[in-house]
Amino acid sequence: MEECKINHDALYRLLEIKCERETLEYVLDGMNKVLGEDLPDADQVQAYLMSPDKPTSLSLHQQMVAMDKLLECAEVNFRTTCDMLRYRQMKRTGVVSSVEEFLQLLHPGECEEEWNEEI
């Protein structure tokens, strides 16, 4: 049987591109809710986020909203990662045996229907 060879650099680059796109999408969606018709072009926002210290065509308000949404996205991702690590550790030690138990510990009093509605 022939081994499947993976080019790890190419895989890493694909993941990097996917993360950048998802982040830009998140930022643009958030900016659209705040700015409405004053939403700048996606390329302008991406250029600003990649190099916030360089001159930009974005207004100060647009820059502020873009950076706020970028930080919000980072907070969400960090919190999700922390929760995943907590769950793994709690499951390993036998504190919880399922995701549902873990969620009950994190959010006591909330019911499963509320979680499903959010998804």
PDB file of N, CA and C in Angstrom:
ATOM      1  N   MET A   1       0.839  -1.176   0.000  1.00  0.00           N
ATOM      2  CA  MET A   1       0.000   0.000   0.000  1.00  0.00           C
ATOM      3  C   MET A   1       0.889   1.245   0.000  1.00  0.00           C
ATOM      4  N   GLU A   2       0.586   2.169  -0.884  1.00  0.00           N
ATOM      5  CA  GLU A   2       1.396   3.370  -1.026  1.00  0.00           C
ATOM      6  C   GLU A   2       1.020   4.391   0.046  1.00  0.00           C
ATOM      7  N   GLU A   3       2.054   4.938   0.675  1.00  0.00           N
ATOM      8  CA  GLU A   3       1.814   5.943   1.711  1.00  0.00           C
ATOM      9  C   GLU A   3       1.378   7.261   1.102  1.00  0.00           C
ATOM     10  N   CYS A   4       0.500   7.922   1.791  1.00  0.00           N
ATOM     11  CA  CYS A   4       0.058   9.250   1.364  1.00  0.00           C
ATOM     12  C   CYS A   4       1.026  10.268   1.952  1.00  0.00           C
ATOM     13  N   LYS A   5       1.706  10.982   1.087  1.00  0.00           N
ATOM     14  CA  LYS A   5       2.663  11.981   1.556  1.00  0.00           C
ATOM     15  C   LYS A   5       1.966  13.335   1.629  1.00  0.00           C
ATOM     16  N   ILE A   6       2.162  13.995   2.741  1.00  0.00           N
ATOM     17  CA  ILE A   6       1.531  15.289   2.957  1.00  0.00           C
ATOM     18  C   ILE A   6       2.607  16.362   2.956  1.00  0.00           C
ATOM     19  N   ASN A   7       2.373  17.373   2.183  1.00  0.00           N
ATOM     20  CA  ASN A   7       3.248  18.533   2.197  1.00  0.00           C
ATOM     21  C   ASN A   7       2.750  19.434   3.323  1.00  0.00           C
ATOM     22  N   HIS A   8       3.438  19.361   4.450  1.00  0.00           N
ATOM     23  CA  HIS A   8       2.984  20.089   5.639  1.00  0.00           C
ATOM     24  C   HIS A   8       3.014  21.599   5.446  1.00  0.00           C
ATOM     25  N   ASP A   9       3.967  22.094   4.685  1.00  0.00           N
ATOM     26  CA  ASP A   9       4.014  23.536   4.426  1.00  0.00           C
ATOM     27  C   ASP A   9       2.789  23.988   3.639  1.00  0.00           C
ATOM     28  N   ALA A  10       2.403  23.188   2.631  1.00  0.00           N
ATOM     29  CA  ALA A  10       1.225  23.530   1.831  1.00  0.00           C
ATOM     30  C   ALA A  10      -0.042  23.441   2.680  1.00  0.00           C
ATOM     31  N   LEU A  11      -0.132  22.414   3.508  1.00  0.00           N
ATOM     32  CA  LEU A  11      -1.291  22.261   4.389  1.00  0.00           C
ATOM     33  C   LEU A  11      -1.377  23.438   5.366  1.00  0.00           C
ATOM     34  N   TYR A  12      -0.245  23.806   5.937  1.00  0.00           N
ATOM     35  CA  TYR A  12      -0.210  24.944   6.854  1.00  0.00           C
ATOM     36  C   TYR A  12      -0.664  26.214   6.143  1.00  0.00           C
ATOM     37  N   ARG A  13      -0.196  26.420   4.933  1.00  0.00           N
ATOM     38  CA  ARG A  13      -0.564  27.626   4.172  1.00  0.00           C
ATOM     39  C   ARG A  13      -2.064  27.638   3.865  1.00  0.00           C
ATOM     40  N   LEU A  14      -2.629  26.467   3.502  1.00  0.00           N
ATOM     41  CA  LEU A  14      -4.072  26.387   3.240  1.00  0.00           C
ATOM     42  C   LEU A  14      -4.879  26.724   4.495  1.00  0.00           C
ATOM     43  N   LEU A  15      -4.443  26.210   5.635  1.00  0.00           N
ATOM     44  CA  LEU A  15      -5.128  26.520   6.891  1.00  0.00           C
ATOM     45  C   LEU A  15      -5.011  28.005   7.227  1.00  0.00           C
ATOM     46  N   GLU A  16      -3.849  28.570   6.959  1.00  0.00           N
ATOM     47  CA  GLU A  16      -3.642  29.993   7.203  1.00  0.00           C
ATOM     48  C   GLU A  16      -4.582  30.836   6.336  1.00  0.00           C
ATOM     49  N   ILE A  17      -4.697  30.476   5.067  1.00  0.00           N
ATOM     50  CA  ILE A  17      -5.586  31.197   4.148  1.00  0.00           C
ATOM     51  C   ILE A  17      -7.035  31.082   4.615  1.00  0.00           C
ATOM     52  N   LYS A  18      -7.438  29.860   5.018  1.00  0.00           N
ATOM     53  CA  LYS A  18      -8.810  29.646   5.486  1.00  0.00           C
ATOM     54  C   LYS A  18      -9.095  30.483   6.736  1.00  0.00           C
ATOM     55  N   CYS A  19      -8.168  30.519   7.656  1.00  0.00           N
ATOM     56  CA  CYS A  19      -8.348  31.320   8.880  1.00  0.00           C
ATOM     57  C   CYS A  19      -8.434  32.808   8.562  1.00  0.00           C
ATOM     58  N   GLU A  20      -7.581  33.270   7.656  1.00  0.00           N
ATOM     59  CA  GLU A  20      -7.621  34.681   7.273  1.00  0.00           C
ATOM     60  C   GLU A  20      -8.962  35.036   6.642  1.00  0.00           C
ATOM     61  N   ARG A  21      -9.473  34.166   5.787  1.00  0.00           N
ATOM     62  CA  ARG A  21     -10.767  34.424   5.132  1.00  0.00           C
ATOM     63  C   ARG A  21     -11.905  34.434   6.142  1.00  0.00           C
ATOM     64  N   GLU A  22     -11.907  33.445   7.043  1.00  0.00           N
ATOM     65  CA  GLU A  22     -12.965  33.389   8.056  1.00  0.00           C
ATOM     66  C   GLU A  22     -12.927  34.619   8.960  1.00  0.00           C
ATOM     67  N   THR A  23     -11.726  35.045   9.317  1.00  0.00           N
ATOM     68  CA  THR A  23     -11.584  36.224  10.168  1.00  0.00           C
ATOM     69  C   THR A  23     -12.061  37.471   9.442  1.00  0.00           C
ATOM     70  N   LEU A  24     -11.661  37.624   8.190  1.00  0.00           N
ATOM     71  CA  LEU A  24     -12.096  38.784   7.409  1.00  0.00           C
ATOM     72  C   LEU A  24     -13.614  38.788   7.262  1.00  0.00           C
ATOM     73  N   GLU A  25     -14.201  37.618   7.027  1.00  0.00           N
ATOM     74  CA  GLU A  25     -15.659  37.506   6.923  1.00  0.00           C
ATOM     75  C   GLU A  25     -16.331  37.957   8.221  1.00  0.00           C
ATOM     76  N   TYR A  26     -15.794  37.493   9.350  1.00  0.00           N
ATOM     77  CA  TYR A  26     -16.340  37.864  10.653  1.00  0.00           C
ATOM     78  C   TYR A  26     -16.269  39.377  10.846  1.00  0.00           C
ATOM     79  N   VAL A  27     -15.112  39.958  10.531  1.00  0.00           N
ATOM     80  CA  VAL A  27     -14.917  41.400  10.693  1.00  0.00           C
ATOM     81  C   VAL A  27     -15.868  42.171   9.786  1.00  0.00           C
ATOM     82  N   LEU A  28     -15.970  41.756   8.528  1.00  0.00           N
ATOM     83  CA  LEU A  28     -16.841  42.462   7.577  1.00  0.00           C
ATOM     84  C   LEU A  28     -18.308  42.365   7.981  1.00  0.00           C
ATOM     85  N   ASP A  29     -18.738  41.190   8.444  1.00  0.00           N
ATOM     86  CA  ASP A  29     -20.127  41.038   8.904  1.00  0.00           C
ATOM     87  C   ASP A  29     -20.408  41.971  10.080  1.00  0.00           C
ATOM     88  N   GLY A  30     -19.484  42.006  11.035  1.00  0.00           N
ATOM     89  CA  GLY A  30     -19.652  42.887  12.185  1.00  0.00           C
ATOM     90  C   GLY A  30     -19.633  44.353  11.797  1.00  0.00           C
ATOM     91  N   MET A  31     -18.729  44.701  10.884  1.00  0.00           N
ATOM     92  CA  MET A  31     -18.656  46.090  10.419  1.00  0.00           C
ATOM     93  C   MET A  31     -19.930  46.486   9.685  1.00  0.00           C
ATOM     94  N   ASN A  32     -20.484  45.563   8.910  1.00  0.00           N
ATOM     95  CA  ASN A  32     -21.710  45.848   8.166  1.00  0.00           C
ATOM     96  C   ASN A  32     -22.859  46.162   9.114  1.00  0.00           C
ATOM     97  N   LYS A  33     -22.935  45.438  10.234  1.00  0.00           N
ATOM     98  CA  LYS A  33     -23.995  45.688  11.212  1.00  0.00           C
ATOM     99  C   LYS A  33     -23.848  47.065  11.855  1.00  0.00           C
ATOM    100  N   VAL A  34     -22.610  47.497  12.044  1.00  0.00           N
ATOM    101  CA  VAL A  34     -22.363  48.787  12.687  1.00  0.00           C
ATOM    102  C   VAL A  34     -22.403  49.937  11.690  1.00  0.00           C
ATOM    103  N   LEU A  35     -21.769  49.741  10.538  1.00  0.00           N
ATOM    104  CA  LEU A  35     -21.578  50.842   9.588  1.00  0.00           C
ATOM    105  C   LEU A  35     -22.620  50.915   8.481  1.00  0.00           C
ATOM    106  N   GLY A  36     -23.279  49.808   8.192  1.00  0.00           N
ATOM    107  CA  GLY A  36     -24.271  49.796   7.117  1.00  0.00           C
ATOM    108  C   GLY A  36     -23.673  50.196   5.783  1.00  0.00           C
ATOM    109  N   GLU A  37     -24.210  51.245   5.183  1.00  0.00           N
ATOM    110  CA  GLU A  37     -23.762  51.684   3.857  1.00  0.00           C
ATOM    111  C   GLU A  37     -22.352  52.269   3.864  1.00  0.00           C
ATOM    112  N   ASP A  38     -21.846  52.606   5.019  1.00  0.00           N
ATOM    113  CA  ASP A  38     -20.495  53.167   5.135  1.00  0.00           C
ATOM    114  C   ASP A  38     -19.422  52.068   5.191  1.00  0.00           C
ATOM    115  N   LEU A  39     -19.825  50.816   4.921  1.00  0.00           N
ATOM    116  CA  LEU A  39     -18.890  49.686   4.940  1.00  0.00           C
ATOM    117  C   LEU A  39     -17.876  49.832   3.812  1.00  0.00           C
ATOM    118  N   PRO A  40     -16.582  49.827   4.131  1.00  0.00           N
ATOM    119  CA  PRO A  40     -15.567  49.935   3.077  1.00  0.00           C
ATOM    120  C   PRO A  40     -15.417  48.627   2.309  1.00  0.00           C
ATOM    121  N   ASP A  41     -14.670  48.684   1.234  1.00  0.00           N
ATOM    122  CA  ASP A  41     -14.387  47.523   0.400  1.00  0.00           C
ATOM    123  C   ASP A  41     -13.595  46.485   1.204  1.00  0.00           C
ATOM    124  N   ALA A  42     -13.855  45.206   0.952  1.00  0.00           N
ATOM    125  CA  ALA A  42     -13.183  44.122   1.673  1.00  0.00           C
ATOM    126  C   ALA A  42     -11.668  44.190   1.526  1.00  0.00           C
ATOM    127  N   ASP A  43     -11.184  44.555   0.342  1.00  0.00           N
ATOM    128  CA  ASP A  43      -9.735  44.650   0.130  1.00  0.00           C
ATOM    129  C   ASP A  43      -9.114  45.737   0.998  1.00  0.00           C
ATOM    130  N   GLN A  44      -9.833  46.843   1.171  1.00  0.00           N
ATOM    131  CA  GLN A  44      -9.336  47.928   2.022  1.00  0.00           C
ATOM    132  C   GLN A  44      -9.257  47.481   3.482  1.00  0.00           C
ATOM    133  N   VAL A  45     -10.283  46.760   3.922  1.00  0.00           N
ATOM    134  CA  VAL A  45     -10.311  46.274   5.304  1.00  0.00           C
ATOM    135  C   VAL A  45      -9.189  45.265   5.515  1.00  0.00           C
ATOM    136  N   GLN A  46      -9.027  44.346   4.578  1.00  0.00           N
ATOM    137  CA  GLN A  46      -7.976  43.340   4.705  1.00  0.00           C
ATOM    138  C   GLN A  46      -6.594  43.993   4.751  1.00  0.00           C
ATOM    139  N   ALA A  47      -6.362  44.958   3.881  1.00  0.00           N
ATOM    140  CA  ALA A  47      -5.070  45.652   3.867  1.00  0.00           C
ATOM    141  C   ALA A  47      -4.822  46.339   5.212  1.00  0.00           C
ATOM    142  N   TYR A  48      -5.861  46.960   5.758  1.00  0.00           N
ATOM    143  CA  TYR A  48      -5.720  47.624   7.056  1.00  0.00           C
ATOM    144  C   TYR A  48      -5.408  46.613   8.161  1.00  0.00           C
ATOM    145  N   LEU A  49      -6.133  45.497   8.183  1.00  0.00           N
ATOM    146  CA  LEU A  49      -5.926  44.506   9.237  1.00  0.00           C
ATOM    147  C   LEU A  49      -4.551  43.852   9.147  1.00  0.00           C
ATOM    148  N   MET A  50      -4.033  43.704   7.943  1.00  0.00           N
ATOM    149  CA  MET A  50      -2.711  43.091   7.763  1.00  0.00           C
ATOM    150  C   MET A  50      -1.591  44.057   8.170  1.00  0.00           C
ATOM    151  N   SER A  51      -1.832  45.354   8.029  1.00  0.00           N
ATOM    152  CA  SER A  51      -0.811  46.365   8.352  1.00  0.00           C
ATOM    153  C   SER A  51      -1.478  47.607   8.940  1.00  0.00           C
ATOM    154  N   PRO A  52      -1.936  47.521  10.187  1.00  0.00           N
ATOM    155  CA  PRO A  52      -2.685  48.642  10.765  1.00  0.00           C
ATOM    156  C   PRO A  52      -1.866  49.919  10.972  1.00  0.00           C
ATOM    157  N   ASP A  53      -0.554  49.819  10.948  1.00  0.00           N
ATOM    158  CA  ASP A  53       0.274  51.015  11.142  1.00  0.00           C
ATOM    159  C   ASP A  53       0.564  51.757   9.846  1.00  0.00           C
ATOM    160  N   LYS A  54       0.233  51.153   8.724  1.00  0.00           N
ATOM    161  CA  LYS A  54       0.467  51.801   7.428  1.00  0.00           C
ATOM    162  C   LYS A  54      -0.694  52.739   7.106  1.00  0.00           C
ATOM    163  N   PRO A  55      -0.453  53.730   6.237  1.00  0.00           N
ATOM    164  CA  PRO A  55      -1.548  54.620   5.816  1.00  0.00           C
ATOM    165  C   PRO A  55      -2.693  53.812   5.185  1.00  0.00           C
ATOM    166  N   THR A  56      -3.918  54.265   5.436  1.00  0.00           N
ATOM    167  CA  THR A  56      -5.092  53.545   4.945  1.00  0.00           C
ATOM    168  C   THR A  56      -6.144  54.532   4.453  1.00  0.00           C
ATOM    169  N   SER A  57      -7.012  54.039   3.596  1.00  0.00           N
ATOM    170  CA  SER A  57      -8.120  54.868   3.109  1.00  0.00           C
ATOM    171  C   SER A  57      -9.330  54.790   4.044  1.00  0.00           C
ATOM    172  N   LEU A  58      -9.260  53.935   5.065  1.00  0.00           N
ATOM    173  CA  LEU A  58     -10.369  53.813   6.012  1.00  0.00           C
ATOM    174  C   LEU A  58     -10.435  55.048   6.906  1.00  0.00           C
ATOM    175  N   SER A  59     -11.653  55.475   7.201  1.00  0.00           N
ATOM    176  CA  SER A  59     -11.828  56.581   8.153  1.00  0.00           C
ATOM    177  C   SER A  59     -11.435  56.088   9.548  1.00  0.00           C
ATOM    178  N   LEU A  60     -11.248  57.016  10.457  1.00  0.00           N
ATOM    179  CA  LEU A  60     -10.903  56.631  11.829  1.00  0.00           C
ATOM    180  C   LEU A  60     -11.993  55.756  12.446  1.00  0.00           C
ATOM    181  N   HIS A  61     -13.240  56.090  12.160  1.00  0.00           N
ATOM    182  CA  HIS A  61     -14.359  55.292  12.681  1.00  0.00           C
ATOM    183  C   HIS A  61     -14.323  53.878  12.101  1.00  0.00           C
ATOM    184  N   GLN A  62     -14.089  53.754  10.801  1.00  0.00           N
ATOM    185  CA  GLN A  62     -13.992  52.438  10.170  1.00  0.00           C
ATOM    186  C   GLN A  62     -12.823  51.641  10.746  1.00  0.00           C
ATOM    187  N   GLN A  63     -11.699  52.307  10.987  1.00  0.00           N
ATOM    188  CA  GLN A  63     -10.540  51.631  11.581  1.00  0.00           C
ATOM    189  C   GLN A  63     -10.879  51.104  12.974  1.00  0.00           C
ATOM    190  N   MET A  64     -11.554  51.938  13.760  1.00  0.00           N
ATOM    191  CA  MET A  64     -11.919  51.555  15.118  1.00  0.00           C
ATOM    192  C   MET A  64     -12.847  50.338  15.104  1.00  0.00           C
ATOM    193  N   VAL A  65     -13.850  50.362  14.234  1.00  0.00           N
ATOM    194  CA  VAL A  65     -14.803  49.251  14.163  1.00  0.00           C
ATOM    195  C   VAL A  65     -14.102  47.984  13.665  1.00  0.00           C
ATOM    196  N   ALA A  66     -13.250  48.109  12.657  1.00  0.00           N
ATOM    197  CA  ALA A  66     -12.530  46.946  12.123  1.00  0.00           C
ATOM    198  C   ALA A  66     -11.664  46.306  13.204  1.00  0.00           C
ATOM    199  N   MET A  67     -10.922  47.115  13.937  1.00  0.00           N
ATOM    200  CA  MET A  67     -10.046  46.576  14.982  1.00  0.00           C
ATOM    201  C   MET A  67     -10.860  45.980  16.117  1.00  0.00           C
ATOM    202  N   ASP A  68     -11.971  46.608  16.473  1.00  0.00           N
ATOM    203  CA  ASP A  68     -12.838  46.073  17.520  1.00  0.00           C
ATOM    204  C   ASP A  68     -13.374  44.697  17.129  1.00  0.00           C
ATOM    205  N   LYS A  69     -13.803  44.556  15.881  1.00  0.00           N
ATOM    206  CA  LYS A  69     -14.337  43.270  15.418  1.00  0.00           C
ATOM    207  C   LYS A  69     -13.238  42.216  15.326  1.00  0.00           C
ATOM    208  N   LEU A  70     -12.022  42.618  14.956  1.00  0.00           N
ATOM    209  CA  LEU A  70     -10.901  41.678  14.925  1.00  0.00           C
ATOM    210  C   LEU A  70     -10.598  41.165  16.333  1.00  0.00           C
ATOM    211  N   LEU A  71     -10.568  42.064  17.304  1.00  0.00           N
ATOM    212  CA  LEU A  71     -10.322  41.660  18.688  1.00  0.00           C
ATOM    213  C   LEU A  71     -11.454  40.791  19.228  1.00  0.00           C
ATOM    214  N   GLU A  72     -12.677  41.113  18.855  1.00  0.00           N
ATOM    215  CA  GLU A  72     -13.831  40.305  19.256  1.00  0.00           C
ATOM    216  C   GLU A  72     -13.695  38.884  18.713  1.00  0.00           C
ATOM    217  N   CYS A  73     -13.292  38.761  17.471  1.00  0.00           N
ATOM    218  CA  CYS A  73     -13.092  37.450  16.848  1.00  0.00           C
ATOM    219  C   CYS A  73     -12.011  36.667  17.592  1.00  0.00           C
ATOM    220  N   ALA A  74     -10.927  37.339  17.945  1.00  0.00           N
ATOM    221  CA  ALA A  74      -9.839  36.689  18.678  1.00  0.00           C
ATOM    222  C   ALA A  74     -10.314  36.215  20.050  1.00  0.00           C
ATOM    223  N   GLU A  75     -11.141  37.029  20.718  1.00  0.00           N
ATOM    224  CA  GLU A  75     -11.679  36.646  22.027  1.00  0.00           C
ATOM    225  C   GLU A  75     -12.547  35.400  21.919  1.00  0.00           C
ATOM    226  N   VAL A  76     -13.390  35.353  20.905  1.00  0.00           N
ATOM    227  CA  VAL A  76     -14.272  34.199  20.704  1.00  0.00           C
ATOM    228  C   VAL A  76     -13.441  32.946  20.461  1.00  0.00           C
ATOM    229  N   ASN A  77     -12.447  33.046  19.593  1.00  0.00           N
ATOM    230  CA  ASN A  77     -11.603  31.891  19.289  1.00  0.00           C
ATOM    231  C   ASN A  77     -10.810  31.438  20.508  1.00  0.00           C
ATOM    232  N   PHE A  78     -10.291  32.386  21.281  1.00  0.00           N
ATOM    233  CA  PHE A  78      -9.532  32.041  22.476  1.00  0.00           C
ATOM    234  C   PHE A  78     -10.435  31.361  23.502  1.00  0.00           C
ATOM    235  N   ARG A  79     -11.627  31.904  23.696  1.00  0.00           N
ATOM    236  CA  ARG A  79     -12.562  31.321  24.664  1.00  0.00           C
ATOM    237  C   ARG A  79     -12.961  29.901  24.255  1.00  0.00           C
ATOM    238  N   THR A  80     -13.199  29.703  22.963  1.00  0.00           N
ATOM    239  CA  THR A  80     -13.557  28.375  22.463  1.00  0.00           C
ATOM    240  C   THR A  80     -12.424  27.388  22.703  1.00  0.00           C
ATOM    241  N   THR A  81     -11.201  27.809  22.427  1.00  0.00           N
ATOM    242  CA  THR A  81     -10.040  26.945  22.650  1.00  0.00           C
ATOM    243  C   THR A  81      -9.904  26.595  24.127  1.00  0.00           C
ATOM    244  N   CYS A  82     -10.074  27.569  25.000  1.00  0.00           N
ATOM    245  CA  CYS A  82     -10.003  27.315  26.442  1.00  0.00           C
ATOM    246  C   CYS A  82     -11.071  26.318  26.882  1.00  0.00           C
ATOM    247  N   ASP A  83     -12.288  26.494  26.387  1.00  0.00           N
ATOM    248  CA  ASP A  83     -13.371  25.572  26.738  1.00  0.00           C
ATOM    249  C   ASP A  83     -13.083  24.161  26.240  1.00  0.00           C
ATOM    250  N   MET A  84     -12.506  24.040  25.057  1.00  0.00           N
ATOM    251  CA  MET A  84     -12.171  22.713  24.528  1.00  0.00           C
ATOM    252  C   MET A  84     -11.100  22.044  25.394  1.00  0.00           C
ATOM    253  N   LEU A  85     -10.105  22.809  25.816  1.00  0.00           N
ATOM    254  CA  LEU A  85      -9.064  22.261  26.688  1.00  0.00           C
ATOM    255  C   LEU A  85      -9.635  21.879  28.048  1.00  0.00           C
ATOM    256  N   ARG A  86     -10.527  22.709  28.599  1.00  0.00           N
ATOM    257  CA  ARG A  86     -11.182  22.386  29.873  1.00  0.00           C
ATOM    258  C   ARG A  86     -11.980  21.090  29.757  1.00  0.00           C
ATOM    259  N   TYR A  87     -12.747  20.976  28.673  1.00  0.00           N
ATOM    260  CA  TYR A  87     -13.561  19.775  28.478  1.00  0.00           C
ATOM    261  C   TYR A  87     -12.678  18.535  28.413  1.00  0.00           C
ATOM    262  N   ARG A  88     -11.609  18.619  27.625  1.00  0.00           N
ATOM    263  CA  ARG A  88     -10.721  17.457  27.484  1.00  0.00           C
ATOM    264  C   ARG A  88     -10.146  17.054  28.836  1.00  0.00           C
ATOM    265  N   GLN A  89      -9.687  18.025  29.611  1.00  0.00           N
ATOM    266  CA  GLN A  89      -9.108  17.734  30.920  1.00  0.00           C
ATOM    267  C   GLN A  89     -10.154  17.158  31.871  1.00  0.00           C
ATOM    268  N   MET A  90     -11.345  17.744  31.881  1.00  0.00           N
ATOM    269  CA  MET A  90     -12.397  17.264  32.777  1.00  0.00           C
ATOM    270  C   MET A  90     -12.863  15.864  32.388  1.00  0.00           C
ATOM    271  N   LYS A  91     -12.881  15.577  31.105  1.00  0.00           N
ATOM    272  CA  LYS A  91     -13.280  14.240  30.662  1.00  0.00           C
ATOM    273  C   LYS A  91     -12.212  13.220  31.038  1.00  0.00           C
ATOM    274  N   ARG A  92     -10.942  13.580  30.854  1.00  0.00           N
ATOM    275  CA  ARG A  92      -9.840  12.678  31.218  1.00  0.00           C
ATOM    276  C   ARG A  92      -9.860  12.327  32.700  1.00  0.00           C
ATOM    277  N   THR A  93     -10.179  13.296  33.530  1.00  0.00           N
ATOM    278  CA  THR A  93     -10.158  13.064  34.975  1.00  0.00           C
ATOM    279  C   THR A  93     -11.472  12.492  35.498  1.00  0.00           C
ATOM    280  N   GLY A  94     -12.450  12.329  34.610  1.00  0.00           N
ATOM    281  CA  GLY A  94     -13.708  11.728  35.013  1.00  0.00           C
ATOM    282  C   GLY A  94     -14.704  12.689  35.631  1.00  0.00           C
ATOM    283  N   VAL A  95     -14.427  13.965  35.589  1.00  0.00           N
ATOM    284  CA  VAL A  95     -15.357  14.951  36.152  1.00  0.00           C
ATOM    285  C   VAL A  95     -16.634  15.001  35.327  1.00  0.00           C
ATOM    286  N   VAL A  96     -16.501  14.890  34.006  1.00  0.00           N
ATOM    287  CA  VAL A  96     -17.656  14.843  33.113  1.00  0.00           C
ATOM    288  C   VAL A  96     -17.484  13.666  32.160  1.00  0.00           C
ATOM    289  N   SER A  97     -18.617  13.178  31.647  1.00  0.00           N
ATOM    290  CA  SER A  97     -18.532  12.074  30.685  1.00  0.00           C
ATOM    291  C   SER A  97     -19.104  12.452  29.326  1.00  0.00           C
ATOM    292  N   SER A  98     -19.669  13.661  29.220  1.00  0.00           N
ATOM    293  CA  SER A  98     -20.240  14.085  27.942  1.00  0.00           C
ATOM    294  C   SER A  98     -20.160  15.608  27.817  1.00  0.00           C
ATOM    295  N   VAL A  99     -20.341  16.070  26.597  1.00  0.00           N
ATOM    296  CA  VAL A  99     -20.361  17.512  26.344  1.00  0.00           C
ATOM    297  C   VAL A  99     -21.527  18.149  27.086  1.00  0.00           C
ATOM    298  N   GLU A 100     -22.664  17.450  27.126  1.00  0.00           N
ATOM    299  CA  GLU A 100     -23.838  17.984  27.809  1.00  0.00           C
ATOM    300  C   GLU A 100     -23.552  18.238  29.290  1.00  0.00           C
ATOM    301  N   GLU A 101     -22.869  17.278  29.938  1.00  0.00           N
ATOM    302  CA  GLU A 101     -22.503  17.467  31.346  1.00  0.00           C
ATOM    303  C   GLU A 101     -21.581  18.672  31.508  1.00  0.00           C
ATOM    304  N   PHE A 102     -20.622  18.789  30.611  1.00  0.00           N
ATOM    305  CA  PHE A 102     -19.678  19.904  30.646  1.00  0.00           C
ATOM    306  C   PHE A 102     -20.410  21.237  30.507  1.00  0.00           C
ATOM    307  N   LEU A 103     -21.334  21.305  29.563  1.00  0.00           N
ATOM    308  CA  LEU A 103     -22.084  22.543  29.350  1.00  0.00           C
ATOM    309  C   LEU A 103     -22.952  22.883  30.556  1.00  0.00           C
ATOM    310  N   GLN A 104     -23.491  21.863  31.213  1.00  0.00           N
ATOM    311  CA  GLN A 104     -24.277  22.105  32.427  1.00  0.00           C
ATOM    312  C   GLN A 104     -23.409  22.702  33.533  1.00  0.00           C
ATOM    313  N   LEU A 105     -22.153  22.240  33.615  1.00  0.00           N
ATOM    314  CA  LEU A 105     -21.235  22.813  34.604  1.00  0.00           C
ATOM    315  C   LEU A 105     -20.882  24.262  34.265  1.00  0.00           C
ATOM    316  N   LEU A 106     -20.682  24.531  32.980  1.00  0.00           N
ATOM    317  CA  LEU A 106     -20.327  25.886  32.548  1.00  0.00           C
ATOM    318  C   LEU A 106     -21.493  26.851  32.661  1.00  0.00           C
ATOM    319  N   HIS A 107     -22.672  26.367  32.311  1.00  0.00           N
ATOM    320  CA  HIS A 107     -23.862  27.227  32.245  1.00  0.00           C
ATOM    321  C   HIS A 107     -25.012  26.587  33.015  1.00  0.00           C
ATOM    322  N   PRO A 108     -24.908  26.521  34.339  1.00  0.00           N
ATOM    323  CA  PRO A 108     -25.987  25.892  35.108  1.00  0.00           C
ATOM    324  C   PRO A 108     -27.298  26.654  34.928  1.00  0.00           C
ATOM    325  N   GLY A 109     -28.363  25.896  34.821  1.00  0.00           N
ATOM    326  CA  GLY A 109     -29.675  26.524  34.688  1.00  0.00           C
ATOM    327  C   GLY A 109     -30.134  26.717  33.261  1.00  0.00           C
ATOM    328  N   GLU A 110     -29.222  26.650  32.308  1.00  0.00           N
ATOM    329  CA  GLU A 110     -29.637  26.768  30.906  1.00  0.00           C
ATOM    330  C   GLU A 110     -30.004  25.380  30.402  1.00  0.00           C
ATOM    331  N   CYS A 111     -30.981  25.324  29.522  1.00  0.00           N
ATOM    332  CA  CYS A 111     -31.413  24.025  29.023  1.00  0.00           C
ATOM    333  C   CYS A 111     -30.863  23.778  27.622  1.00  0.00           C
ATOM    334  N   GLU A 112     -30.895  22.516  27.214  1.00  0.00           N
ATOM    335  CA  GLU A 112     -30.339  22.099  25.921  1.00  0.00           C
ATOM    336  C   GLU A 112     -31.047  22.766  24.750  1.00  0.00           C
ATOM    337  N   GLU A 113     -32.355  23.049  24.875  1.00  0.00           N
ATOM    338  CA  GLU A 113     -33.079  23.697  23.782  1.00  0.00           C
ATOM    339  C   GLU A 113     -32.489  25.070  23.473  1.00  0.00           C
ATOM    340  N   GLU A 114     -32.080  25.796  24.510  1.00  0.00           N
ATOM    341  CA  GLU A 114     -31.476  27.116  24.300  1.00  0.00           C
ATOM    342  C   GLU A 114     -30.173  27.001  23.526  1.00  0.00           C
ATOM    343  N   TRP A 115     -29.366  25.966  23.821  1.00  0.00           N
ATOM    344  CA  TRP A 115     -28.095  25.784  23.113  1.00  0.00           C
ATOM    345  C   TRP A 115     -28.349  25.445  21.656  1.00  0.00           C
ATOM    346  N   ASN A 116     -29.337  24.585  21.405  1.00  0.00           N
ATOM    347  CA  ASN A 116     -29.644  24.196  20.029  1.00  0.00           C
ATOM    348  C   ASN A 116     -30.163  25.376  19.219  1.00  0.00           C
ATOM    349  N   GLU A 117     -30.912  26.278  19.851  1.00  0.00           N
ATOM    350  CA  GLU A 117     -31.413  27.467  19.158  1.00  0.00           C
ATOM    351  C   GLU A 117     -30.270  28.382  18.746  1.00  0.00           C
ATOM    352  N   GLU A 118     -29.230  28.466  19.578  1.00  0.00           N
ATOM    353  CA  GLU A 118     -28.080  29.312  19.271  1.00  0.00           C
ATOM    354  C   GLU A 118     -27.280  28.760  18.105  1.00  0.00           C
ATOM    355  N   ILE A 119     -27.275  27.464  17.941  1.00  0.00           N
ATOM    356  CA  ILE A 119     -26.519  26.827  16.851  1.00  0.00           C
ATOM    357  C   ILE A 119     -27.295  26.960  15.602  1.00  0.00           C
TER     358      ILE A 119
END
